[in-house]
Amino acid sequence: MQKLVLSLGLVLSTGLNFRADELRLEHSQASLQGTERRFESAQTGEGDPAQWQLVESAIKSEQPAIGQLSENAEADRRAMLLYADRSFDDFEWTASVRLLEGSKAQTAGIVFRWQDELNYYSARLDASGGWLVFRKVVNGEEQEPIGNRYPVQTGKWYTLNVVCSGPQITLRLDSETPLPALTDTQFNSGKIGYWTGADTTAHFRDPVVKYRPKVILAQRLVDRAMAHFNRLLGISLYARPRPGEHPTVIASHDEKNLGKAGDEAVLDVIVRRKIYFAKQEKSLFVTLPLRDRNGEGIAACRIELKSRFFAADRQSAIARCQPVVKLMQAEVLNWSDLFQ
């Protein structure tokens, strides 16, 4: 193993310093390989593909563990299993790890702020040398490890915990803090997951992430427009969550609207870039296209107006709404920007 470098810095207090949502990752056949798949594997180096499988607990009430069971690998193989549903900015990520066997290495742990298989942070347990190690990987190159001695044994469960708050990173092992706090600005957000090195086999269980909910650009644009145009009753932004899917509400003045499917008018606005106008007793609704830098429709912006403030005819209502879309348009170059 390369020389380990101890980081200098102030130790952070444990836990997050903001209100956080909690997500318990489900270990099931459906989430691992089925129609409700939530995990994706990634790998670098030489060797057979990793074998990520459910490992049933002897205690029926416990959730199954997930194991990496492939033993045929060279020393440079890095096998990862990522929670693919979302990325996280500031968070607390906890999982229990049990190293089993490995002839070339006995090392496993968790990854975080994962960009791709060549760029990520990791916290690793090493039973062959008895270490807890933080390691950054940039463009496939593993940077100088930062670690400390710890009596890691195979066959024993350990709980790894990482807290990321801006550039500050704190690692804990079984509620202890063997490493000083770290500061690194390479990656600001990313995915979380499991990691094994070389031919190591290992089990993972009890995955929990507490996180600051990410406010995507689409929601920030809606919030900004509602504050700037204070006579509006509401704004909902519709877009395809993934290419080819039906448009749904991805941002709104009312969070209860999030996820609602768009009607045929919404689809027509996005595909044909038409403008729709509807009138109710006390409100007017105008649905306009939000375009990318090439002029293609990427979203539909539905704006609700107070009819007593604006003329009830179509052209006047559209004229009042166009500055709202123009404000949003200035910050959106393509569809993916909406979700950043």
C-alpha atoms as a PDB file:
ATOM      1  CA  MET A   1       0.000   0.000   0.000  1.00  0.00           C
ATOM      2  CA  GLN A   2       1.154   3.512  -0.728  1.00  0.00           C
ATOM      3  CA  LYS A   3       2.162   5.802   2.091  1.00  0.00           C
ATOM      4  CA  LEU A   4      -0.868   7.191   3.906  1.00  0.00           C
ATOM      5  CA  VAL A   5      -1.145  10.894   4.553  1.00  0.00           C
ATOM      6  CA  LEU A   6      -2.999  12.312   7.553  1.00  0.00           C
ATOM      7  CA  SER A   7      -5.133  15.362   6.790  1.00  0.00           C
ATOM      8  CA  LEU A   8      -4.887  18.532   8.837  1.00  0.00           C
ATOM      9  CA  GLY A   9      -8.107  20.380   9.567  1.00  0.00           C
ATOM     10  CA  LEU A  10     -10.820  21.115  12.087  1.00  0.00           C
ATOM     11  CA  VAL A  11     -13.006  18.232  13.139  1.00  0.00           C
ATOM     12  CA  LEU A  12     -16.635  18.789  12.228  1.00  0.00           C
ATOM     13  CA  SER A  13     -19.449  18.135  14.627  1.00  0.00           C
ATOM     14  CA  THR A  14     -21.277  14.919  13.839  1.00  0.00           C
ATOM     15  CA  GLY A  15     -24.359  14.944  11.664  1.00  0.00           C
ATOM     16  CA  LEU A  16     -25.772  17.575   9.373  1.00  0.00           C
ATOM     17  CA  ASN A  17     -26.339  21.186  10.340  1.00  0.00           C
ATOM     18  CA  PHE A  18     -29.544  21.572   8.329  1.00  0.00           C
ATOM     19  CA  ARG A  19     -32.957  19.967   8.119  1.00  0.00           C
ATOM     20  CA  ALA A  20     -32.586  16.751   6.149  1.00  0.00           C
ATOM     21  CA  ASP A  21     -34.776  14.175   4.471  1.00  0.00           C
ATOM     22  CA  GLU A  22     -34.027  10.514   5.119  1.00  0.00           C
ATOM     23  CA  LEU A  23     -33.916   7.776   2.507  1.00  0.00           C
ATOM     24  CA  ARG A  24     -33.467   4.105   3.364  1.00  0.00           C
ATOM     25  CA  LEU A  25     -32.227   2.279   0.284  1.00  0.00           C
ATOM     26  CA  GLU A  26     -34.210  -0.854  -0.475  1.00  0.00           C
ATOM     27  CA  HIS A  27     -32.366  -4.131  -1.005  1.00  0.00           C
ATOM     28  CA  SER A  28     -34.649  -6.320  -3.105  1.00  0.00           C
ATOM     29  CA  GLN A  29     -34.539  -8.319  -6.296  1.00  0.00           C
ATOM     30  CA  ALA A  30     -36.658  -5.675  -8.000  1.00  0.00           C
ATOM     31  CA  SER A  31     -34.382  -2.791  -6.971  1.00  0.00           C
ATOM     32  CA  LEU A  32     -31.247  -4.741  -7.904  1.00  0.00           C
ATOM     33  CA  GLN A  33     -32.243  -6.373 -11.191  1.00  0.00           C
ATOM     34  CA  GLY A  34     -36.001  -6.085 -11.743  1.00  0.00           C
ATOM     35  CA  THR A  35     -38.430  -3.639 -13.278  1.00  0.00           C
ATOM     36  CA  GLU A  36     -38.028  -1.218 -10.343  1.00  0.00           C
ATOM     37  CA  ARG A  37     -34.279  -1.249 -10.622  1.00  0.00           C
ATOM     38  CA  ARG A  38     -32.580   1.367  -8.464  1.00  0.00           C
ATOM     39  CA  PHE A  39     -28.958   0.186  -8.584  1.00  0.00           C
ATOM     40  CA  GLU A  40     -26.428   0.211 -11.415  1.00  0.00           C
ATOM     41  CA  SER A  41     -23.016  -1.432 -11.497  1.00  0.00           C
ATOM     42  CA  ALA A  42     -19.775   0.105 -12.734  1.00  0.00           C
ATOM     43  CA  GLN A  43     -16.300  -1.325 -12.981  1.00  0.00           C
ATOM     44  CA  THR A  44     -12.730  -0.578 -13.968  1.00  0.00           C
ATOM     45  CA  GLY A  45      -9.670  -2.804 -14.243  1.00  0.00           C
ATOM     46  CA  GLU A  46      -9.167  -6.401 -15.318  1.00  0.00           C
ATOM     47  CA  GLY A  47     -11.295  -9.334 -14.229  1.00  0.00           C
ATOM     48  CA  ASP A  48     -14.725 -10.871 -14.487  1.00  0.00           C
ATOM     49  CA  PRO A  49     -17.773  -8.614 -14.112  1.00  0.00           C
ATOM     50  CA  ALA A  50     -18.742  -8.091 -10.496  1.00  0.00           C
ATOM     51  CA  GLN A  51     -21.554 -10.300  -9.194  1.00  0.00           C
ATOM     52  CA  TRP A  52     -23.906  -8.210  -7.087  1.00  0.00           C
ATOM     53  CA  GLN A  53     -26.478 -10.455  -5.417  1.00  0.00           C
ATOM     54  CA  LEU A  54     -28.943 -10.412  -2.549  1.00  0.00           C
ATOM     55  CA  VAL A  55     -27.778 -12.149   0.611  1.00  0.00           C
ATOM     56  CA  GLU A  56     -30.693 -13.152   2.797  1.00  0.00           C
ATOM     57  CA  SER A  57     -30.394 -12.508   6.519  1.00  0.00           C
ATOM     58  CA  ALA A  58     -30.850 -15.296   9.050  1.00  0.00           C
ATOM     59  CA  ILE A  59     -33.174 -12.888  10.867  1.00  0.00           C
ATOM     60  CA  LYS A  60     -36.394 -12.668   8.863  1.00  0.00           C
ATOM     61  CA  SER A  61     -37.207  -9.142  10.002  1.00  0.00           C
ATOM     62  CA  GLU A  62     -33.926  -7.793   8.602  1.00  0.00           C
ATOM     63  CA  GLN A  63     -33.553  -6.481   5.076  1.00  0.00           C
ATOM     64  CA  PRO A  64     -31.247  -8.636   2.904  1.00  0.00           C
ATOM     65  CA  ALA A  65     -27.680  -7.563   2.403  1.00  0.00           C
ATOM     66  CA  ILE A  66     -26.161  -7.071  -1.042  1.00  0.00           C
ATOM     67  CA  GLY A  67     -22.957  -8.957  -1.735  1.00  0.00           C
ATOM     68  CA  GLN A  68     -20.194  -8.664  -4.308  1.00  0.00           C
ATOM     69  CA  LEU A  69     -19.340 -12.328  -4.850  1.00  0.00           C
ATOM     70  CA  SER A  70     -17.047 -12.434  -7.901  1.00  0.00           C
ATOM     71  CA  GLU A  71     -13.560 -13.647  -6.934  1.00  0.00           C
ATOM     72  CA  ASN A  72     -11.916 -13.795 -10.375  1.00  0.00           C
ATOM     73  CA  ALA A  73     -10.225 -10.422 -10.737  1.00  0.00           C
ATOM     74  CA  GLU A  74      -6.860  -8.742 -11.035  1.00  0.00           C
ATOM     75  CA  ALA A  75      -5.461  -6.370  -8.446  1.00  0.00           C
ATOM     76  CA  ASP A  76      -6.628  -3.297 -10.378  1.00  0.00           C
ATOM     77  CA  ARG A  77     -10.328  -4.193 -10.553  1.00  0.00           C
ATOM     78  CA  ARG A  78     -12.634  -1.668  -8.876  1.00  0.00           C
ATOM     79  CA  ALA A  79     -16.249  -2.835  -8.661  1.00  0.00           C
ATOM     80  CA  MET A  80     -18.987  -0.370  -7.717  1.00  0.00           C
ATOM     81  CA  LEU A  81     -22.743  -0.562  -7.214  1.00  0.00           C
ATOM     82  CA  LEU A  82     -24.419   2.851  -7.398  1.00  0.00           C
ATOM     83  CA  TYR A  83     -27.798   4.032  -6.201  1.00  0.00           C
ATOM     84  CA  ALA A  84     -28.842   5.415  -9.581  1.00  0.00           C
ATOM     85  CA  ASP A  85     -32.072   7.247  -8.782  1.00  0.00           C
ATOM     86  CA  ARG A  86     -30.512  10.551  -7.745  1.00  0.00           C
ATOM     87  CA  SER A  87     -27.418  12.525  -6.884  1.00  0.00           C
ATOM     88  CA  PHE A  88     -26.758  14.223  -3.558  1.00  0.00           C
ATOM     89  CA  ASP A  89     -25.080  17.520  -2.660  1.00  0.00           C
ATOM     90  CA  ASP A  90     -24.843  17.749   1.146  1.00  0.00           C
ATOM     91  CA  PHE A  91     -25.661  14.517   2.940  1.00  0.00           C
ATOM     92  CA  GLU A  92     -24.887  11.909   5.572  1.00  0.00           C
ATOM     93  CA  TRP A  93     -24.362   8.459   4.039  1.00  0.00           C
ATOM     94  CA  THR A  94     -24.231   5.370   6.258  1.00  0.00           C
ATOM     95  CA  ALA A  95     -23.852   1.678   5.418  1.00  0.00           C
ATOM     96  CA  SER A  96     -22.514  -1.421   7.136  1.00  0.00           C
ATOM     97  CA  VAL A  97     -19.758  -3.410   5.427  1.00  0.00           C
ATOM     98  CA  ARG A  98     -18.437  -6.928   6.027  1.00  0.00           C
ATOM     99  CA  LEU A  99     -15.274  -8.031   4.236  1.00  0.00           C
ATOM    100  CA  LEU A 100     -15.168 -11.739   3.449  1.00  0.00           C
ATOM    101  CA  GLU A 101     -12.255 -12.972   1.354  1.00  0.00           C
ATOM    102  CA  GLY A 102      -9.677 -11.887  -1.183  1.00  0.00           C
ATOM    103  CA  SER A 103      -6.272 -13.242  -2.180  1.00  0.00           C
ATOM    104  CA  LYS A 104      -5.022 -10.114  -3.977  1.00  0.00           C
ATOM    105  CA  ALA A 105      -6.686  -7.631  -1.613  1.00  0.00           C
ATOM    106  CA  GLN A 106      -9.169  -7.466   1.227  1.00  0.00           C
ATOM    107  CA  THR A 107     -10.695  -4.044   0.822  1.00  0.00           C
ATOM    108  CA  ALA A 108     -14.238  -2.710   0.493  1.00  0.00           C
ATOM    109  CA  GLY A 109     -16.221   0.367   1.427  1.00  0.00           C
ATOM    110  CA  ILE A 110     -18.541   3.059   0.138  1.00  0.00           C
ATOM    111  CA  VAL A 111     -18.342   5.652  -2.629  1.00  0.00           C
ATOM    112  CA  PHE A 112     -19.849   9.124  -2.623  1.00  0.00           C
ATOM    113  CA  ARG A 113     -20.064  12.192  -4.867  1.00  0.00           C
ATOM    114  CA  TRP A 114     -19.558   9.657  -7.655  1.00  0.00           C
ATOM    115  CA  GLN A 115     -19.447  11.229 -11.139  1.00  0.00           C
ATOM    116  CA  ASP A 116     -18.548   8.127 -13.129  1.00  0.00           C
ATOM    117  CA  GLU A 117     -16.324   5.083 -12.684  1.00  0.00           C
ATOM    118  CA  LEU A 118     -13.229   7.282 -13.133  1.00  0.00           C
ATOM    119  CA  ASN A 119     -14.127  10.155 -10.802  1.00  0.00           C
ATOM    120  CA  TYR A 120     -15.356   9.793  -7.216  1.00  0.00           C
ATOM    121  CA  TYR A 121     -14.580   9.803  -3.495  1.00  0.00           C
ATOM    122  CA  SER A 122     -14.390   6.602  -1.472  1.00  0.00           C
ATOM    123  CA  ALA A 123     -14.048   5.446   2.131  1.00  0.00           C
ATOM    124  CA  ARG A 124     -12.371   2.044   2.267  1.00  0.00           C
ATOM    125  CA  LEU A 125     -11.699  -0.602   4.875  1.00  0.00           C
ATOM    126  CA  ASP A 126      -8.543  -2.656   4.373  1.00  0.00           C
ATOM    127  CA  ALA A 127      -8.285  -5.875   6.376  1.00  0.00           C
ATOM    128  CA  SER A 128      -4.921  -6.941   4.940  1.00  0.00           C
ATOM    129  CA  GLY A 129      -3.138  -3.930   6.410  1.00  0.00           C
ATOM    130  CA  GLY A 130      -5.638  -2.769   9.015  1.00  0.00           C
ATOM    131  CA  TRP A 131      -6.610   0.641   7.642  1.00  0.00           C
ATOM    132  CA  LEU A 132      -9.468   3.059   7.199  1.00  0.00           C
ATOM    133  CA  VAL A 133      -8.710   5.077   4.081  1.00  0.00           C
ATOM    134  CA  PHE A 134     -10.190   8.044   2.227  1.00  0.00           C
ATOM    135  CA  ARG A 135      -9.298   7.955  -1.452  1.00  0.00           C
ATOM    136  CA  LYS A 136     -10.127  10.287  -4.309  1.00  0.00           C
ATOM    137  CA  VAL A 137     -10.130   9.050  -7.901  1.00  0.00           C
ATOM    138  CA  VAL A 138      -9.727  11.611 -10.709  1.00  0.00           C
ATOM    139  CA  ASN A 139      -9.748  10.582 -14.365  1.00  0.00           C
ATOM    140  CA  GLY A 140      -9.093   7.010 -13.303  1.00  0.00           C
ATOM    141  CA  GLU A 141      -6.013   7.917 -11.237  1.00  0.00           C
ATOM    142  CA  GLU A 142      -6.166   7.106  -7.525  1.00  0.00           C
ATOM    143  CA  GLN A 143      -4.834  10.063  -5.561  1.00  0.00           C
ATOM    144  CA  GLU A 144      -2.647   9.834  -2.476  1.00  0.00           C
ATOM    145  CA  PRO A 145      -4.597   7.948   0.217  1.00  0.00           C
ATOM    146  CA  ILE A 146      -5.450   9.587   3.523  1.00  0.00           C
ATOM    147  CA  GLY A 147      -5.912   7.093   6.334  1.00  0.00           C
ATOM    148  CA  ASN A 148      -5.237   5.756   9.762  1.00  0.00           C
ATOM    149  CA  ARG A 149      -4.659   2.397  11.376  1.00  0.00           C
ATOM    150  CA  TYR A 150      -7.759   0.505  12.446  1.00  0.00           C
ATOM    151  CA  PRO A 151      -8.062  -3.199  13.415  1.00  0.00           C
ATOM    152  CA  VAL A 152     -10.225  -4.282  10.464  1.00  0.00           C
ATOM    153  CA  GLN A 153     -11.047  -8.001  10.360  1.00  0.00           C
ATOM    154  CA  THR A 154     -12.737 -10.169   7.774  1.00  0.00           C
ATOM    155  CA  GLY A 155     -16.118 -11.631   8.707  1.00  0.00           C
ATOM    156  CA  LYS A 156     -17.044  -8.725  10.973  1.00  0.00           C
ATOM    157  CA  TRP A 157     -19.588  -5.983  10.326  1.00  0.00           C
ATOM    158  CA  TYR A 158     -18.409  -2.353  10.404  1.00  0.00           C
ATOM    159  CA  THR A 159     -20.535   0.769   9.999  1.00  0.00           C
ATOM    160  CA  LEU A 160     -19.078   3.427   7.724  1.00  0.00           C
ATOM    161  CA  ASN A 161     -20.474   6.935   7.886  1.00  0.00           C
ATOM    162  CA  VAL A 162     -19.574   9.970   5.781  1.00  0.00           C
ATOM    163  CA  VAL A 163     -20.896  13.515   6.170  1.00  0.00           C
ATOM    164  CA  CYS A 164     -20.417  15.944   3.264  1.00  0.00           C
ATOM    165  CA  SER A 165     -21.257  19.599   3.808  1.00  0.00           C
ATOM    166  CA  GLY A 166     -19.924  21.764   1.021  1.00  0.00           C
ATOM    167  CA  PRO A 167     -16.210  20.955   0.626  1.00  0.00           C
ATOM    168  CA  GLN A 168     -15.938  19.475   4.132  1.00  0.00           C
ATOM    169  CA  ILE A 169     -15.902  15.703   4.585  1.00  0.00           C
ATOM    170  CA  THR A 170     -16.029  13.797   7.862  1.00  0.00           C
ATOM    171  CA  LEU A 171     -15.601  10.016   8.048  1.00  0.00           C
ATOM    172  CA  ARG A 172     -16.673   7.853  10.973  1.00  0.00           C
ATOM    173  CA  LEU A 173     -16.247   4.162  11.614  1.00  0.00           C
ATOM    174  CA  ASP A 174     -18.483   2.521  14.228  1.00  0.00           C
ATOM    175  CA  SER A 175     -19.246   5.969  15.705  1.00  0.00           C
ATOM    176  CA  GLU A 176     -15.563   6.790  16.073  1.00  0.00           C
ATOM    177  CA  THR A 177     -13.726   9.443  14.046  1.00  0.00           C
ATOM    178  CA  PRO A 178     -10.347   7.876  13.190  1.00  0.00           C
ATOM    179  CA  LEU A 179      -9.492  10.589  10.648  1.00  0.00           C
ATOM    180  CA  PRO A 180      -9.370  14.357  11.024  1.00  0.00           C
ATOM    181  CA  ALA A 181     -11.885  16.279   8.940  1.00  0.00           C
ATOM    182  CA  LEU A 182     -11.062  16.674   5.254  1.00  0.00           C
ATOM    183  CA  THR A 183     -11.560  19.546   2.844  1.00  0.00           C
ATOM    184  CA  ASP A 184     -11.777  18.871  -0.887  1.00  0.00           C
ATOM    185  CA  THR A 185     -13.418  20.878  -3.671  1.00  0.00           C
ATOM    186  CA  GLN A 186     -13.062  18.421  -6.554  1.00  0.00           C
ATOM    187  CA  PHE A 187     -16.639  17.105  -6.488  1.00  0.00           C
ATOM    188  CA  ASN A 188     -19.632  19.071  -5.179  1.00  0.00           C
ATOM    189  CA  SER A 189     -22.322  16.432  -5.702  1.00  0.00           C
ATOM    190  CA  GLY A 190     -22.779  12.936  -7.066  1.00  0.00           C
ATOM    191  CA  LYS A 191     -24.150   9.465  -6.490  1.00  0.00           C
ATOM    192  CA  ILE A 192     -23.554   7.114  -3.572  1.00  0.00           C
ATOM    193  CA  GLY A 193     -22.893   3.390  -3.546  1.00  0.00           C
ATOM    194  CA  TYR A 194     -20.776   0.393  -2.588  1.00  0.00           C
ATOM    195  CA  TRP A 195     -17.176  -0.367  -3.584  1.00  0.00           C
ATOM    196  CA  THR A 196     -14.840  -3.375  -3.615  1.00  0.00           C
ATOM    197  CA  GLY A 197     -11.203  -3.669  -4.684  1.00  0.00           C
ATOM    198  CA  ALA A 198      -9.526  -6.465  -6.677  1.00  0.00           C
ATOM    199  CA  ASP A 199     -10.961  -9.912  -5.852  1.00  0.00           C
ATOM    200  CA  THR A 200     -12.461  -8.911  -2.506  1.00  0.00           C
ATOM    201  CA  THR A 201     -15.852 -10.390  -1.703  1.00  0.00           C
ATOM    202  CA  ALA A 202     -17.975  -8.386   0.714  1.00  0.00           C
ATOM    203  CA  HIS A 203     -21.503  -7.801   2.024  1.00  0.00           C
ATOM    204  CA  PHE A 204     -23.308  -4.469   2.477  1.00  0.00           C
ATOM    205  CA  ARG A 205     -26.422  -3.713   4.524  1.00  0.00           C
ATOM    206  CA  ASP A 206     -28.417  -1.021   6.404  1.00  0.00           C
ATOM    207  CA  PRO A 207     -27.957   1.750   3.818  1.00  0.00           C
ATOM    208  CA  VAL A 208     -29.358   5.143   4.898  1.00  0.00           C
ATOM    209  CA  VAL A 209     -28.780   8.581   3.433  1.00  0.00           C
ATOM    210  CA  LYS A 210     -29.904  11.829   5.055  1.00  0.00           C
ATOM    211  CA  TYR A 211     -29.717  14.704   2.642  1.00  0.00           C
ATOM    212  CA  ARG A 212     -30.629  18.243   1.846  1.00  0.00           C
ATOM    213  CA  PRO A 213     -33.292  17.982  -0.873  1.00  0.00           C
ATOM    214  CA  LYS A 214     -31.832  19.275  -4.109  1.00  0.00           C
ATOM    215  CA  VAL A 215     -33.660  22.209  -5.651  1.00  0.00           C
ATOM    216  CA  ILE A 216     -33.327  21.791  -9.412  1.00  0.00           C
ATOM    217  CA  LEU A 217     -32.967  24.743 -11.752  1.00  0.00           C
ATOM    218  CA  ALA A 218     -36.565  24.376 -12.963  1.00  0.00           C
ATOM    219  CA  GLN A 219     -37.872  24.924  -9.421  1.00  0.00           C
ATOM    220  CA  ARG A 220     -35.511  27.827  -8.812  1.00  0.00           C
ATOM    221  CA  LEU A 221     -36.799  29.470 -11.991  1.00  0.00           C
ATOM    222  CA  VAL A 222     -40.413  29.020 -10.892  1.00  0.00           C
ATOM    223  CA  ASP A 223     -39.668  30.442  -7.437  1.00  0.00           C
ATOM    224  CA  ARG A 224     -37.867  33.412  -8.943  1.00  0.00           C
ATOM    225  CA  ALA A 225     -40.664  34.147 -11.407  1.00  0.00           C
ATOM    226  CA  MET A 226     -43.329  33.946  -8.685  1.00  0.00           C
ATOM    227  CA  ALA A 227     -41.384  36.465  -6.601  1.00  0.00           C
ATOM    228  CA  HIS A 228     -40.743  38.797  -9.516  1.00  0.00           C
ATOM    229  CA  PHE A 229     -44.265  38.728 -11.005  1.00  0.00           C
ATOM    230  CA  ASN A 230     -46.257  38.988  -7.805  1.00  0.00           C
ATOM    231  CA  ARG A 231     -49.680  39.127  -9.436  1.00  0.00           C
ATOM    232  CA  LEU A 232     -49.437  35.573 -10.701  1.00  0.00           C
ATOM    233  CA  LEU A 233     -51.522  32.889  -9.011  1.00  0.00           C
ATOM    234  CA  GLY A 234     -49.230  30.079  -9.978  1.00  0.00           C
ATOM    235  CA  ILE A 235     -46.697  28.516 -12.355  1.00  0.00           C
ATOM    236  CA  SER A 236     -46.178  24.852 -13.194  1.00  0.00           C
ATOM    237  CA  LEU A 237     -43.382  23.680 -15.444  1.00  0.00           C
ATOM    238  CA  TYR A 238     -43.914  20.439 -17.392  1.00  0.00           C
ATOM    239  CA  ALA A 239     -41.117  18.412 -18.982  1.00  0.00           C
ATOM    240  CA  ARG A 240     -40.200  14.838 -19.792  1.00  0.00           C
ATOM    241  CA  PRO A 241     -38.420  13.348 -16.727  1.00  0.00           C
ATOM    242  CA  ARG A 242     -36.442  11.176 -19.156  1.00  0.00           C
ATOM    243  CA  PRO A 243     -36.235  11.224 -22.948  1.00  0.00           C
ATOM    244  CA  GLY A 244     -39.321   9.618 -24.485  1.00  0.00           C
ATOM    245  CA  GLU A 245     -41.415   9.711 -21.316  1.00  0.00           C
ATOM    246  CA  HIS A 246     -44.686  11.621 -20.970  1.00  0.00           C
ATOM    247  CA  PRO A 247     -44.317  15.164 -19.580  1.00  0.00           C
ATOM    248  CA  THR A 248     -45.031  15.679 -15.903  1.00  0.00           C
ATOM    249  CA  VAL A 249     -44.793  18.633 -13.527  1.00  0.00           C
ATOM    250  CA  ILE A 250     -41.121  18.980 -12.576  1.00  0.00           C
ATOM    251  CA  ALA A 251     -41.468  22.345 -10.807  1.00  0.00           C
ATOM    252  CA  SER A 252     -44.403  24.301  -9.396  1.00  0.00           C
ATOM    253  CA  HIS A 253     -45.482  27.020  -6.984  1.00  0.00           C
ATOM    254  CA  ASP A 254     -47.368  24.217  -5.182  1.00  0.00           C
ATOM    255  CA  GLU A 255     -45.374  21.073  -4.372  1.00  0.00           C
ATOM    256  CA  LYS A 256     -48.607  19.050  -4.469  1.00  0.00           C
ATOM    257  CA  ASN A 257     -48.536  19.440  -8.250  1.00  0.00           C
ATOM    258  CA  LEU A 258     -45.144  17.765  -8.649  1.00  0.00           C
ATOM    259  CA  GLY A 259     -45.296  14.567 -10.677  1.00  0.00           C
ATOM    260  CA  LYS A 260     -48.747  15.200 -12.155  1.00  0.00           C
ATOM    261  CA  ALA A 261     -49.034  14.153 -15.780  1.00  0.00           C
ATOM    262  CA  GLY A 262     -49.450  16.810 -18.418  1.00  0.00           C
ATOM    263  CA  ASP A 263     -52.547  16.899 -20.617  1.00  0.00           C
ATOM    264  CA  GLU A 264     -52.630  16.885 -24.419  1.00  0.00           C
ATOM    265  CA  ALA A 265     -52.213  20.653 -24.504  1.00  0.00           C
ATOM    266  CA  VAL A 266     -48.928  20.356 -22.596  1.00  0.00           C
ATOM    267  CA  LEU A 267     -47.621  17.768 -25.054  1.00  0.00           C
ATOM    268  CA  ASP A 268     -48.667  19.944 -27.983  1.00  0.00           C
ATOM    269  CA  VAL A 269     -46.880  22.946 -26.505  1.00  0.00           C
ATOM    270  CA  ILE A 270     -43.621  20.995 -26.148  1.00  0.00           C
ATOM    271  CA  VAL A 271     -43.751  19.145 -29.480  1.00  0.00           C
ATOM    272  CA  ARG A 272     -45.276  21.798 -31.742  1.00  0.00           C
ATOM    273  CA  ARG A 273     -44.421  24.857 -29.655  1.00  0.00           C
ATOM    274  CA  LYS A 274     -48.015  26.102 -29.695  1.00  0.00           C
ATOM    275  CA  ILE A 275     -49.552  28.408 -27.091  1.00  0.00           C
ATOM    276  CA  TYR A 276     -52.743  27.468 -25.244  1.00  0.00           C
ATOM    277  CA  PHE A 277     -55.189  29.772 -23.484  1.00  0.00           C
ATOM    278  CA  ALA A 278     -57.995  28.739 -21.112  1.00  0.00           C
ATOM    279  CA  LYS A 279     -60.410  30.797 -19.047  1.00  0.00           C
ATOM    280  CA  GLN A 280     -62.192  29.924 -15.833  1.00  0.00           C
ATOM    281  CA  GLU A 281     -64.458  31.974 -13.621  1.00  0.00           C
ATOM    282  CA  LYS A 282     -61.686  33.672 -11.625  1.00  0.00           C
ATOM    283  CA  SER A 283     -58.526  32.615 -13.420  1.00  0.00           C
ATOM    284  CA  LEU A 284     -56.831  32.572 -16.786  1.00  0.00           C
ATOM    285  CA  PHE A 285     -54.383  29.837 -17.812  1.00  0.00           C
ATOM    286  CA  VAL A 286     -51.727  30.336 -20.468  1.00  0.00           C
ATOM    287  CA  THR A 287     -49.410  27.489 -21.469  1.00  0.00           C
ATOM    288  CA  LEU A 288     -46.303  28.511 -23.411  1.00  0.00           C
ATOM    289  CA  PRO A 289     -43.246  26.638 -24.683  1.00  0.00           C
ATOM    290  CA  LEU A 290     -39.846  26.862 -23.058  1.00  0.00           C
ATOM    291  CA  ARG A 291     -37.212  26.367 -25.749  1.00  0.00           C
ATOM    292  CA  ASP A 292     -33.593  25.229 -25.841  1.00  0.00           C
ATOM    293  CA  ARG A 293     -30.839  27.220 -27.534  1.00  0.00           C
ATOM    294  CA  ASN A 294     -31.824  25.717 -30.911  1.00  0.00           C
ATOM    295  CA  GLY A 295     -35.445  26.784 -30.561  1.00  0.00           C
ATOM    296  CA  GLU A 296     -36.765  23.281 -29.851  1.00  0.00           C
ATOM    297  CA  GLY A 297     -39.441  22.833 -27.186  1.00  0.00           C
ATOM    298  CA  ILE A 298     -38.137  21.267 -23.978  1.00  0.00           C
ATOM    299  CA  ALA A 299     -40.861  22.225 -21.491  1.00  0.00           C
ATOM    300  CA  ALA A 300     -44.319  23.738 -21.144  1.00  0.00           C
ATOM    301  CA  CYS A 301     -44.847  26.627 -18.745  1.00  0.00           C
ATOM    302  CA  ARG A 302     -48.433  26.876 -17.486  1.00  0.00           C
ATOM    303  CA  ILE A 303     -49.167  30.210 -15.840  1.00  0.00           C
ATOM    304  CA  GLU A 304     -52.288  31.049 -13.844  1.00  0.00           C
ATOM    305  CA  LEU A 305     -53.340  34.700 -13.771  1.00  0.00           C
ATOM    306  CA  LYS A 306     -55.817  36.662 -11.726  1.00  0.00           C
ATOM    307  CA  SER A 307     -58.458  37.522 -14.291  1.00  0.00           C
ATOM    308  CA  ARG A 308     -59.568  40.654 -12.424  1.00  0.00           C
ATOM    309  CA  PHE A 309     -56.125  42.204 -12.969  1.00  0.00           C
ATOM    310  CA  PHE A 310     -55.678  41.223 -16.617  1.00  0.00           C
ATOM    311  CA  ALA A 311     -57.921  41.498 -19.608  1.00  0.00           C
ATOM    312  CA  ALA A 312     -59.677  38.243 -20.289  1.00  0.00           C
ATOM    313  CA  ASP A 313     -58.825  38.077 -23.988  1.00  0.00           C
ATOM    314  CA  ARG A 314     -56.220  35.655 -25.309  1.00  0.00           C
ATOM    315  CA  GLN A 315     -53.702  38.109 -26.742  1.00  0.00           C
ATOM    316  CA  SER A 316     -53.538  40.282 -23.625  1.00  0.00           C
ATOM    317  CA  ALA A 317     -53.033  37.259 -21.373  1.00  0.00           C
ATOM    318  CA  ILE A 318     -50.290  35.866 -23.607  1.00  0.00           C
ATOM    319  CA  ALA A 319     -48.549  39.244 -23.687  1.00  0.00           C
ATOM    320  CA  ARG A 320     -48.546  39.318 -19.879  1.00  0.00           C
ATOM    321  CA  CYS A 321     -47.033  35.826 -19.685  1.00  0.00           C
ATOM    322  CA  GLN A 322     -44.266  36.125 -22.261  1.00  0.00           C
ATOM    323  CA  PRO A 323     -41.919  38.085 -19.930  1.00  0.00           C
ATOM    324  CA  VAL A 324     -42.222  35.225 -17.423  1.00  0.00           C
ATOM    325  CA  VAL A 325     -41.029  32.681 -19.979  1.00  0.00           C
ATOM    326  CA  LYS A 326     -38.341  35.085 -21.206  1.00  0.00           C
ATOM    327  CA  LEU A 327     -36.976  35.325 -17.657  1.00  0.00           C
ATOM    328  CA  MET A 328     -36.721  31.534 -17.460  1.00  0.00           C
ATOM    329  CA  GLN A 329     -35.423  31.132 -21.003  1.00  0.00           C
ATOM    330  CA  ALA A 330     -32.320  33.193 -20.261  1.00  0.00           C
ATOM    331  CA  GLU A 331     -30.918  30.469 -17.964  1.00  0.00           C
ATOM    332  CA  VAL A 332     -31.799  27.328 -19.916  1.00  0.00           C
ATOM    333  CA  LEU A 333     -29.678  26.114 -22.825  1.00  0.00           C
ATOM    334  CA  ASN A 334     -30.991  22.544 -23.089  1.00  0.00           C
ATOM    335  CA  TRP A 335     -33.374  20.041 -21.515  1.00  0.00           C
ATOM    336  CA  SER A 336     -30.852  18.648 -19.024  1.00  0.00           C
ATOM    337  CA  ASP A 337     -30.273  22.117 -17.549  1.00  0.00           C
ATOM    338  CA  LEU A 338     -33.767  22.000 -16.040  1.00  0.00           C
ATOM    339  CA  PHE A 339     -32.733  19.178 -13.717  1.00  0.00           C
ATOM    340  CA  GLN A 340     -29.405  20.594 -12.552  1.00  0.00           C
END
